[in-house]
């Protein structure tokens, strides 16, 4: 990862964390409540976002493609503005852009599926954290539900979401992955 790509990722994670912190804390000032919410969001949402995107990148690279993350300035601005004025976060901070040799429908599907499966693994990890360390159960529940939601949302079978490529490659892989993520999402509320 080069420094330009790292900068794009850091800017995206911090901006998305600010937007969700505004949404969840209900404030735009830098109060202790906002700071606590920011830390919680940074680790749950930020970790889910970064690892989701890096999964796309590394699977694409394993197929011989060039892959690099780039932030989307308009999406970052919309996230914060909508959190402040609408009470909803439109989270489209950027994407991994993939160039290189022709990638088959199967390879594109697998690259697309890597992100939501990463969110699934993170959700399961947060659930385990809640069981292992009950004092962190609130944070674990939050992390599990956020990551399961990110996985479900990204698997919706509509362009440009990951689900479009996954479904196009294998409706069976798409359906199984979506079912598991939905079950984890439903159960994460009881984590």
Protein backbone atom coordinates (compact mmCIF):
# COMPACT_ATOMS: atom_id res chain seq x y z
CA UNK A 1 0.00 0.00 0.00
CA UNK A 2 1.45 3.35 -0.99
CA UNK A 3 1.16 6.56 1.02
CA UNK A 4 -1.47 8.07 -1.31
CA UNK A 5 -3.75 5.06 -0.88
CA UNK A 6 -3.19 5.06 2.89
CA UNK A 7 -4.15 8.75 2.99
CA UNK A 8 -7.37 8.03 1.06
CA UNK A 9 -8.25 5.24 3.51
CA UNK A 10 -7.49 7.35 6.61
CA UNK A 11 -9.52 10.31 5.33
CA UNK A 12 -12.43 8.01 4.49
CA UNK A 13 -12.41 6.22 7.86
CA UNK A 14 -12.16 9.43 9.88
CA UNK A 15 -14.88 11.19 7.85
CA UNK A 16 -17.27 8.23 8.01
CA UNK A 17 -16.58 7.90 11.74
CA UNK A 18 -17.41 11.59 12.23
CA UNK A 19 -20.64 11.22 10.24
CA UNK A 20 -21.82 8.17 12.20
CA UNK A 21 -20.73 9.79 15.49
CA UNK A 22 -22.92 12.80 14.70
CA UNK A 23 -25.80 10.45 13.91
CA UNK A 24 -25.42 8.25 17.01
CA UNK A 25 -24.52 10.98 19.53
CA UNK A 26 -27.02 13.53 18.21
CA UNK A 27 -24.48 16.32 18.50
CA UNK A 28 -21.95 18.10 16.32
CA UNK A 29 -19.90 19.57 19.17
CA UNK A 30 -16.82 17.82 20.48
CA UNK A 31 -18.38 16.92 23.82
CA UNK A 32 -17.29 13.92 25.88
CA UNK A 33 -20.36 12.05 24.55
CA UNK A 34 -19.29 12.75 20.97
CA UNK A 35 -15.69 11.68 21.71
CA UNK A 36 -16.85 8.41 23.29
CA UNK A 37 -19.16 7.73 20.38
CA UNK A 38 -16.38 8.56 17.91
CA UNK A 39 -14.01 6.02 19.47
CA UNK A 40 -16.72 3.33 19.45
CA UNK A 41 -17.67 4.10 15.84
CA UNK A 42 -14.05 4.37 14.71
CA UNK A 43 -13.28 0.82 15.86
CA UNK A 44 -16.56 -0.83 14.82
CA UNK A 45 -17.40 1.00 11.58
CA UNK A 46 -13.85 2.01 10.66
CA UNK A 47 -12.47 -1.48 11.11
CA UNK A 48 -15.39 -2.95 9.13
CA UNK A 49 -14.92 -0.45 6.33
CA UNK A 50 -11.13 -0.76 6.02
CA UNK A 51 -11.00 -4.54 6.17
CA UNK A 52 -13.95 -4.83 3.74
CA UNK A 53 -12.12 -2.72 1.16
CA UNK A 54 -8.75 -4.38 1.75
CA UNK A 55 -10.35 -7.79 1.24
CA UNK A 56 -11.49 -6.67 -2.23
CA UNK A 57 -8.00 -5.36 -2.93
CA UNK A 58 -6.06 -8.44 -1.87
CA UNK A 59 -8.36 -10.94 -3.58
CA UNK A 60 -8.12 -8.90 -6.81
CA UNK A 61 -4.35 -8.81 -6.49
CA UNK A 62 -4.29 -12.57 -5.96
CA UNK A 63 -5.83 -12.82 -9.45
CA UNK A 64 -3.06 -10.66 -10.91
CA UNK A 65 -5.03 -7.41 -11.06
CA UNK A 66 -3.87 -3.99 -9.92
CA UNK A 67 -6.18 -2.81 -7.13
CA UNK A 68 -6.09 0.40 -5.13
CA UNK A 69 -8.52 2.24 -2.86
CA UNK A 70 -9.63 5.78 -3.71
CA UNK A 71 -11.92 7.96 -1.65
CA UNK A 72 -14.91 9.70 -3.19
CA UNK A 73 -14.96 13.31 -1.97
CA UNK A 74 -18.64 13.88 -2.84
CA UNK A 75 -19.64 10.76 -0.92
CA UNK A 76 -17.64 11.85 2.12
CA UNK A 77 -19.20 15.32 2.11
CA UNK A 78 -22.69 13.84 1.67
CA UNK A 79 -22.13 11.52 4.64
CA UNK A 80 -21.40 14.39 7.03
CA UNK A 81 -23.99 16.81 5.60
CA UNK A 82 -26.74 14.19 5.71
CA UNK A 83 -25.80 13.17 9.27
CA UNK A 84 -26.11 16.81 10.37
CA UNK A 85 -29.22 17.87 8.45
CA UNK A 86 -31.16 14.68 7.63
CA UNK A 87 -30.32 12.29 10.47
CA UNK A 88 -29.19 9.60 8.02
CA UNK A 89 -25.73 8.65 6.77
CA UNK A 90 -25.24 8.01 3.08
CA UNK A 91 -22.03 6.02 3.37
CA UNK A 92 -20.27 5.82 0.03
CA UNK A 93 -16.77 6.93 0.99
CA UNK A 94 -14.93 5.33 -1.91
CA UNK A 95 -14.02 2.03 -3.47
CA UNK A 96 -11.22 -0.23 -4.59
CA UNK A 97 -10.56 0.36 -8.27
CA UNK A 98 -9.39 -2.73 -10.08
CA UNK A 99 -7.40 -2.76 -13.32
CA UNK A 100 -5.61 -5.49 -15.12
CA UNK A 101 -6.10 -8.70 -16.96
CA UNK A 102 -9.57 -9.76 -17.92
CA UNK A 103 -11.27 -11.08 -14.83
CA UNK A 104 -13.89 -13.76 -15.36
CA UNK A 105 -17.39 -13.46 -13.95
CA UNK A 106 -16.36 -15.95 -11.26
CA UNK A 107 -13.26 -13.98 -10.26
CA UNK A 108 -15.24 -10.71 -10.17
CA UNK A 109 -17.85 -12.45 -8.02
CA UNK A 110 -15.24 -13.76 -5.62
CA UNK A 111 -13.58 -10.33 -5.39
CA UNK A 112 -16.97 -8.76 -4.64
CA UNK A 113 -17.88 -11.43 -2.07
CA UNK A 114 -14.61 -10.93 -0.14
CA UNK A 115 -15.81 -7.62 1.37
CA UNK A 116 -19.15 -8.80 2.80
CA UNK A 117 -17.56 -12.05 4.04
CA UNK A 118 -15.00 -9.95 5.88
CA UNK A 119 -17.86 -8.06 7.55
CA UNK A 120 -19.42 -11.43 8.46
CA UNK A 121 -16.19 -12.57 10.12
CA UNK A 122 -15.92 -9.27 11.99
CA UNK A 123 -19.54 -9.54 13.17
CA UNK A 124 -18.87 -13.06 14.47
CA UNK A 125 -15.69 -11.80 16.13
CA UNK A 126 -17.61 -9.05 17.91
CA UNK A 127 -20.22 -11.58 19.08
CA UNK A 128 -17.43 -13.75 20.50
CA UNK A 129 -15.94 -10.68 22.17
CA UNK A 130 -19.28 -10.05 23.87
CA UNK A 131 -19.35 -13.59 25.25
CA UNK A 132 -15.69 -13.61 26.29
CA UNK A 133 -15.70 -10.15 27.86
CA UNK A 134 -19.21 -9.34 29.12
CA UNK A 135 -18.05 -5.89 30.26
CA UNK A 136 -17.70 -5.02 26.55
CA UNK A 137 -21.06 -6.52 25.55
CA UNK A 138 -22.55 -3.16 24.52
CA UNK A 139 -19.62 -2.38 22.23
CA UNK A 140 -19.60 -5.97 20.95
CA UNK A 141 -23.31 -5.82 20.13
CA UNK A 142 -22.77 -2.54 18.30
CA UNK A 143 -19.78 -3.89 16.34
CA UNK A 144 -21.59 -7.10 15.43
CA UNK A 145 -24.75 -5.37 14.24
CA UNK A 146 -22.87 -2.69 12.28
CA UNK A 147 -20.70 -5.23 10.47
CA UNK A 148 -23.59 -7.60 9.76
CA UNK A 149 -25.55 -4.64 8.39
CA UNK A 150 -22.60 -3.56 6.21
CA UNK A 151 -22.38 -7.09 4.84
CA UNK A 152 -26.13 -7.32 4.12
CA UNK A 153 -26.26 -3.86 2.56
CA UNK A 154 -23.27 -4.52 0.31
CA UNK A 155 -24.75 -7.83 -0.80
CA UNK A 156 -27.93 -6.23 -2.12
CA UNK A 157 -28.01 -7.40 -5.75
CA UNK A 158 -28.06 -3.93 -7.31
CA UNK A 159 -25.35 -2.14 -9.25
CA UNK A 160 -22.85 -0.83 -8.07
CA UNK A 161 -23.04 -2.86 -4.84
CA UNK A 162 -21.02 -6.05 -4.35
CA UNK A 163 -24.16 -8.17 -4.43
CA UNK A 164 -24.69 -7.39 -8.10
CA UNK A 165 -21.41 -9.08 -9.09
CA UNK A 166 -21.86 -11.94 -6.64
CA UNK A 167 -25.40 -12.70 -7.85
CA UNK A 168 -24.30 -12.41 -11.49
CA UNK A 169 -21.58 -15.01 -10.81
CA UNK A 170 -23.50 -17.38 -8.51
CA UNK A 171 -27.06 -16.88 -7.26
CA UNK A 172 -26.43 -19.82 -4.90
CA UNK A 173 -23.31 -18.23 -3.32
CA UNK A 174 -25.18 -14.92 -3.11
CA UNK A 175 -28.26 -16.50 -1.46
CA UNK A 176 -26.26 -18.52 1.07
CA UNK A 177 -24.07 -15.53 2.02
CA UNK A 178 -27.07 -13.22 2.32
CA UNK A 179 -28.97 -15.74 4.46
CA UNK A 180 -26.05 -16.20 6.87
CA UNK A 181 -25.49 -12.43 7.15
CA UNK A 182 -29.20 -11.79 7.81
CA UNK A 183 -29.22 -14.46 10.52
CA UNK A 184 -26.13 -12.94 12.13
CA UNK A 185 -27.68 -9.46 11.87
CA UNK A 186 -30.87 -10.63 13.58
CA UNK A 187 -28.94 -12.49 16.26
CA UNK A 188 -26.42 -9.67 16.81
CA UNK A 189 -29.09 -7.67 18.55
CA UNK A 190 -29.04 -10.30 21.30
CA UNK A 191 -25.23 -10.56 21.45
